[in-house]
């Protein structure tokens, strides 16, 4: 009986070996099917592998094979995992600057939040994110902060706070906070929105097109009669799925969204051209004219050069049509392209990893996502070398501008939407404290004037009002007398933002964080919880704890 069982198993395996060798000539007769570059296509299951799978199912049910044999057969039969082709832009961490040599720091604001949601996706799946996926300014600006803006001559308010750095009490943290005036969704200008949806084969998984559809459906239910909606889809070809339609025709818009199905390759060039064409066709003067591109960024047919794509978007933004990019999925996600196109397109970039995140971006933050109140916003600080020996901007590595760019109104910068808060944090080393760079022997001594004794630096902000060509200047001194002597004296928002900055430094393995560990980051974050509407800050603490557990399990 035992011999019969062995023969019963061996015969199919011998046939399989024959099938592998015999099928070679048949394969050569078939034309090769090209796999589009950039798509992690599922590997085809060969006839021999299918035979093994059938034998496994039969043998498992009859308990004919041992556990080791079943394991070996599974390894042979299973198709290889698709390669991970996710793409992130590499930027070196911002270095320390010597104030006596480079007293001026200039950068463009950043209202994107995609990096935080993407980092969260990695951590919830039990992985530490790639360092290049961690943009600290996007982590900080993901969270809502207390509303303290008051109406004045500018469309936003500015606040600054200075206190000892939690990871180095000899250093200071300077938090600059820009908050645009709040606007209710009901008072938003009429919106001309073009949904540009990737329906290529790479969008088939549940975290891609199905999530895109659910997200757009949530937004659709908030649209009004004065709004206009178009839907452009693209795969191997592009087409208009929905002509410009009044926003209150919800059933018609929802039906068009329901019709979307994934399949084919990704014709990115023609899709974007058609979307801009539809946006121009329904253009609303003094309204919101915006394309919402939902994709995994895997453009593999047509125009795929990032610089060419950016040139196209830059040319179109001059017509008053902005671009928001909504990223979905994993494995082949091109985050570099998504983030760059939104920056160039005078829009914003978000990563949607769940229905909750889709609601946050397009429903809860609708005004700040769509309604721009200040364009080309640039920040410049001139630090006082009499009080500040060295400084470092935390994050914003891909937003740094030249000093001369600040006064040049032709240089593009970030936009800020209604109610949005933008935070930037500098780490400062006061004069008299140990510096990272030794002082130079022949460096000229800086004269301390009466005026400069109480100024850490001078803050300047340039911005354009919507539709304006010339910028407006806002400026104010940063007074040393306003500095706190202890971080406990700061606002809850200051402490929480400092904790998020520290977490970002930790994920990037920054040398500037020292031995400040996860337990201290959690304690600092909890001290800054405040009301925590939406529970975002509590979720952040859980992510810090997950990252710490993953870090401790890493092999040495």
Foldseek 3Di string as FASTA:
>chain_A
DVVVLVVVVVVLVVVLVVCVVVCVVVVVVDDDDDDFPLFLDFDDFDPSLVSLVVVLVVCVVVVSDDPVVSVVNCVVNDTDGGFFAAAFDDFDFWDKDFQLVPLKFKFFFAQAQALQVVQVVQLVVLHQDDLRSQFLQSLLQPDADDDDFDDDPAQWDKDWAKEAQPLGNLWIKIKIKIWGAADDPVPAFAEEEEEEEEQEQSQQDCFGLVLVLLLVLVLLVVFAQSHWYWYWYFAPHIDTLGATDGSVPSVVVNVSSVPRHHYHHGAPPVSVVVRLVRLVVPPDVVHFREYEYGELLRHRPHDDDLVVLLVVLLVSVVVVYAYEYEHTDGRSRHVHSRQSSNQSRQFYYHYDRDSVRSCVQCPVCVQFRTAFFWFQKMKMKRFDCQWFRMKTKQGSSVTTDDPVVQQPLVDGHHTTGHRRMRMTMMMTRTPPDDDPDDDDPPRDDDDDDPVCPFFRIKMKMWTDGPPDSHIDIDIDTDTNVSHDHHPLPDALSVLQSSLSSLLSCVSSVHPVSPPCALVNSLVSLVSSCPPVVPVPSVVVNVSSVSVRVSVVPDDD
